Amino acid sequence: MEVSTEPTLLDRAADVTDSMCPSRGILEHVTSRWGVLVLIALTERDYRFSELRRRVSGVSEKMLAQTLQALERDGFVLREAHPVIPPRVDYSLTPLGRQAAALVSELAHWVERQLPEVQSARAAYDSRR
């Protein structure tokens, strides 16, 4: 049996610009519209699913469930089911999730601060078209 001596993806350093790098999927989860908003909301406090859905305005139940599952799988969100009736599930940030949330939160707040400049640039662009 031949053994390949070529390096595998796991042997190489992570490179988000490489189409085969697994970091791309993680980046997608953290920087998706709903991923960013869920991470930011969870910096405030722990939330139950229905509370989080109300806090992250506009997200569908299905999309929120998918987003939470992806963030939980990546180690950013902790899902804690309590053995009570009716069932209660709380979502919170892990230490890794708090780091990611701080970074995307800073970007989101930067976008909020730059909104007038971006709107002006858009208006100028649109007027040239």
C-alpha atoms as a PDB file:
ATOM      1  CA  MET A   1       0.000   0.000   0.000  1.00  0.00           C
ATOM      2  CA  GLU A   2       1.367   3.395  -1.012  1.00  0.00           C
ATOM      3  CA  VAL A   3       1.532   6.155   1.549  1.00  0.00           C
ATOM      4  CA  SER A   4       1.112   9.669   0.240  1.00  0.00           C
ATOM      5  CA  THR A   5       3.849  12.077   1.223  1.00  0.00           C
ATOM      6  CA  GLU A   6       1.915  15.123   0.032  1.00  0.00           C
ATOM      7  CA  PRO A   7       0.788  17.411   2.848  1.00  0.00           C
ATOM      8  CA  THR A   8      -2.895  17.274   3.663  1.00  0.00           C
ATOM      9  CA  LEU A   9      -5.002  20.299   4.493  1.00  0.00           C
ATOM     10  CA  LEU A  10      -4.589  19.499   8.171  1.00  0.00           C
ATOM     11  CA  ASP A  11      -0.805  19.663   7.782  1.00  0.00           C
ATOM     12  CA  ARG A  12      -0.921  23.166   6.287  1.00  0.00           C
ATOM     13  CA  ALA A  13      -1.424  26.416   8.107  1.00  0.00           C
ATOM     14  CA  ALA A  14      -4.954  27.803   7.977  1.00  0.00           C
ATOM     15  CA  ASP A  15      -5.434  30.202   5.073  1.00  0.00           C
ATOM     16  CA  VAL A  16      -8.895  31.666   4.670  1.00  0.00           C
ATOM     17  CA  THR A  17      -8.090  32.660   1.072  1.00  0.00           C
ATOM     18  CA  ASP A  18      -7.579  28.963   0.179  1.00  0.00           C
ATOM     19  CA  SER A  19     -10.865  27.586  -1.149  1.00  0.00           C
ATOM     20  CA  MET A  20     -10.239  24.266   0.620  1.00  0.00           C
ATOM     21  CA  CYS A  21      -9.446  25.746   4.038  1.00  0.00           C
ATOM     22  CA  PRO A  22     -11.988  24.802   6.721  1.00  0.00           C
ATOM     23  CA  SER A  23     -11.620  28.255   8.253  1.00  0.00           C
ATOM     24  CA  ARG A  24     -13.866  29.559   5.466  1.00  0.00           C
ATOM     25  CA  GLY A  25     -16.877  27.719   6.851  1.00  0.00           C
ATOM     26  CA  ILE A  26     -16.208  29.045  10.334  1.00  0.00           C
ATOM     27  CA  LEU A  27     -15.802  32.568   8.989  1.00  0.00           C
ATOM     28  CA  GLU A  28     -19.105  32.193   7.167  1.00  0.00           C
ATOM     29  CA  HIS A  29     -20.898  31.171  10.377  1.00  0.00           C
ATOM     30  CA  VAL A  30     -19.427  34.032  12.401  1.00  0.00           C
ATOM     31  CA  THR A  31     -19.859  36.745   9.771  1.00  0.00           C
ATOM     32  CA  SER A  32     -23.232  35.808   8.312  1.00  0.00           C
ATOM     33  CA  ARG A  33     -25.947  38.371   8.959  1.00  0.00           C
ATOM     34  CA  TRP A  34     -27.673  36.178  11.537  1.00  0.00           C
ATOM     35  CA  GLY A  35     -24.429  34.888  13.037  1.00  0.00           C
ATOM     36  CA  VAL A  36     -23.235  38.417  13.754  1.00  0.00           C
ATOM     37  CA  LEU A  37     -26.571  39.474  15.233  1.00  0.00           C
ATOM     38  CA  VAL A  38     -26.878  36.355  17.416  1.00  0.00           C
ATOM     39  CA  LEU A  39     -23.340  36.783  18.737  1.00  0.00           C
ATOM     40  CA  ILE A  40     -23.982  40.458  19.509  1.00  0.00           C
ATOM     41  CA  ALA A  41     -27.277  39.679  21.270  1.00  0.00           C
ATOM     42  CA  LEU A  42     -25.662  36.964  23.385  1.00  0.00           C
ATOM     43  CA  THR A  43     -23.073  39.465  24.644  1.00  0.00           C
ATOM     44  CA  GLU A  44     -25.941  41.117  26.544  1.00  0.00           C
ATOM     45  CA  ARG A  45     -27.033  37.993  28.457  1.00  0.00           C
ATOM     46  CA  ASP A  46     -28.165  34.391  28.074  1.00  0.00           C
ATOM     47  CA  TYR A  47     -31.341  33.973  26.052  1.00  0.00           C
ATOM     48  CA  ARG A  48     -34.033  31.393  25.581  1.00  0.00           C
ATOM     49  CA  PHE A  49     -34.796  30.599  21.935  1.00  0.00           C
ATOM     50  CA  SER A  50     -38.005  32.636  21.775  1.00  0.00           C
ATOM     51  CA  GLU A  51     -36.381  35.598  23.535  1.00  0.00           C
ATOM     52  CA  LEU A  52     -33.448  35.507  21.151  1.00  0.00           C
ATOM     53  CA  ARG A  53     -35.796  35.380  18.175  1.00  0.00           C
ATOM     54  CA  ARG A  54     -37.531  38.529  19.407  1.00  0.00           C
ATOM     55  CA  ARG A  55     -34.177  40.231  20.130  1.00  0.00           C
ATOM     56  CA  VAL A  56     -32.781  39.458  16.663  1.00  0.00           C
ATOM     57  CA  SER A  57     -35.556  41.127  14.740  1.00  0.00           C
ATOM     58  CA  GLY A  58     -36.421  39.635  11.365  1.00  0.00           C
ATOM     59  CA  VAL A  59     -34.846  36.193  11.773  1.00  0.00           C
ATOM     60  CA  SER A  60     -37.084  33.221  11.034  1.00  0.00           C
ATOM     61  CA  GLU A  61     -37.363  30.348  13.478  1.00  0.00           C
ATOM     62  CA  LYS A  62     -35.689  28.015  10.990  1.00  0.00           C
ATOM     63  CA  MET A  63     -32.803  30.398  10.302  1.00  0.00           C
ATOM     64  CA  LEU A  64     -32.229  31.063  13.995  1.00  0.00           C
ATOM     65  CA  ALA A  65     -32.180  27.324  14.728  1.00  0.00           C
ATOM     66  CA  GLN A  66     -29.668  26.724  11.908  1.00  0.00           C
ATOM     67  CA  THR A  67     -27.492  29.645  13.024  1.00  0.00           C
ATOM     68  CA  LEU A  68     -27.454  28.527  16.655  1.00  0.00           C
ATOM     69  CA  GLN A  69     -26.654  24.958  15.649  1.00  0.00           C
ATOM     70  CA  ALA A  70     -23.727  26.083  13.471  1.00  0.00           C
ATOM     71  CA  LEU A  71     -22.373  28.389  16.181  1.00  0.00           C
ATOM     72  CA  GLU A  72     -22.767  25.639  18.780  1.00  0.00           C
ATOM     73  CA  ARG A  73     -20.960  23.123  16.559  1.00  0.00           C
ATOM     74  CA  ASP A  74     -18.081  25.580  16.057  1.00  0.00           C
ATOM     75  CA  GLY A  75     -17.792  26.075  19.825  1.00  0.00           C
ATOM     76  CA  PHE A  76     -19.077  29.656  20.011  1.00  0.00           C
ATOM     77  CA  VAL A  77     -22.458  29.011  21.633  1.00  0.00           C
ATOM     78  CA  LEU A  78     -23.439  26.801  24.550  1.00  0.00           C
ATOM     79  CA  ARG A  79     -26.901  25.218  24.470  1.00  0.00           C
ATOM     80  CA  GLU A  80     -28.117  24.233  27.911  1.00  0.00           C
ATOM     81  CA  ALA A  81     -31.307  22.190  28.190  1.00  0.00           C
ATOM     82  CA  HIS A  82     -32.955  22.235  31.606  1.00  0.00           C
ATOM     83  CA  PRO A  83     -34.975  19.173  32.718  1.00  0.00           C
ATOM     84  CA  VAL A  84     -38.149  21.068  33.566  1.00  0.00           C
ATOM     85  CA  ILE A  85     -41.696  21.128  32.283  1.00  0.00           C
ATOM     86  CA  PRO A  86     -42.215  22.897  29.992  1.00  0.00           C
ATOM     87  CA  PRO A  87     -38.748  22.310  28.538  1.00  0.00           C
ATOM     88  CA  ARG A  88     -36.344  25.215  28.828  1.00  0.00           C
ATOM     89  CA  VAL A  89     -33.242  25.740  26.709  1.00  0.00           C
ATOM     90  CA  ASP A  90     -30.817  28.602  27.285  1.00  0.00           C
ATOM     91  CA  TYR A  91     -28.157  29.841  24.897  1.00  0.00           C
ATOM     92  CA  SER A  92     -24.986  31.594  25.997  1.00  0.00           C
ATOM     93  CA  LEU A  93     -21.548  32.400  24.646  1.00  0.00           C
ATOM     94  CA  THR A  94     -18.547  30.209  25.348  1.00  0.00           C
ATOM     95  CA  PRO A  95     -15.185  31.891  26.013  1.00  0.00           C
ATOM     96  CA  LEU A  96     -14.385  31.413  22.309  1.00  0.00           C
ATOM     97  CA  GLY A  97     -17.788  32.873  21.441  1.00  0.00           C
ATOM     98  CA  ARG A  98     -17.129  35.935  23.605  1.00  0.00           C
ATOM     99  CA  GLN A  99     -13.917  36.567  21.660  1.00  0.00           C
ATOM    100  CA  ALA A 100     -15.688  36.249  18.302  1.00  0.00           C
ATOM    101  CA  ALA A 101     -18.610  38.376  19.509  1.00  0.00           C
ATOM    102  CA  ALA A 102     -16.260  41.167  20.615  1.00  0.00           C
ATOM    103  CA  LEU A 103     -14.678  41.265  17.164  1.00  0.00           C
ATOM    104  CA  VAL A 104     -17.895  41.224  15.116  1.00  0.00           C
ATOM    105  CA  SER A 105     -19.524  43.627  17.553  1.00  0.00           C
ATOM    106  CA  GLU A 106     -16.727  46.142  16.994  1.00  0.00           C
ATOM    107  CA  LEU A 107     -17.186  45.811  13.227  1.00  0.00           C
ATOM    108  CA  ALA A 108     -20.972  46.189  13.519  1.00  0.00           C
ATOM    109  CA  HIS A 109     -20.640  49.303  15.683  1.00  0.00           C
ATOM    110  CA  TRP A 110     -18.083  50.742  13.253  1.00  0.00           C
ATOM    111  CA  VAL A 111     -20.648  50.231  10.464  1.00  0.00           C
ATOM    112  CA  GLU A 112     -23.278  52.035  12.548  1.00  0.00           C
ATOM    113  CA  ARG A 113     -20.911  54.987  13.095  1.00  0.00           C
ATOM    114  CA  GLN A 114     -20.043  55.152   9.390  1.00  0.00           C
ATOM    115  CA  LEU A 115     -23.651  54.963   8.206  1.00  0.00           C
ATOM    116  CA  PRO A 116     -23.930  58.663   7.206  1.00  0.00           C
ATOM    117  CA  GLU A 117     -20.704  58.469   5.177  1.00  0.00           C
ATOM    118  CA  VAL A 118     -21.801  55.254   3.464  1.00  0.00           C
ATOM    119  CA  GLN A 119     -25.227  56.697   2.689  1.00  0.00           C
ATOM    120  CA  SER A 120     -23.562  59.756   1.185  1.00  0.00           C
ATOM    121  CA  ALA A 121     -21.265  57.574  -0.926  1.00  0.00           C
ATOM    122  CA  ARG A 122     -24.247  55.543  -2.119  1.00  0.00           C
ATOM    123  CA  ALA A 123     -26.160  58.677  -3.078  1.00  0.00           C
ATOM    124  CA  ALA A 124     -23.170  60.006  -4.998  1.00  0.00           C
ATOM    125  CA  TYR A 125     -22.740  56.679  -6.774  1.00  0.00           C
ATOM    126  CA  ASP A 126     -26.434  56.464  -7.641  1.00  0.00           C
ATOM    127  CA  SER A 127     -26.488  60.030  -8.995  1.00  0.00           C
ATOM    128  CA  ARG A 128     -23.655  59.154 -11.407  1.00  0.00           C
ATOM    129  CA  ARG A 129     -25.583  56.219 -12.851  1.00  0.00           C
END
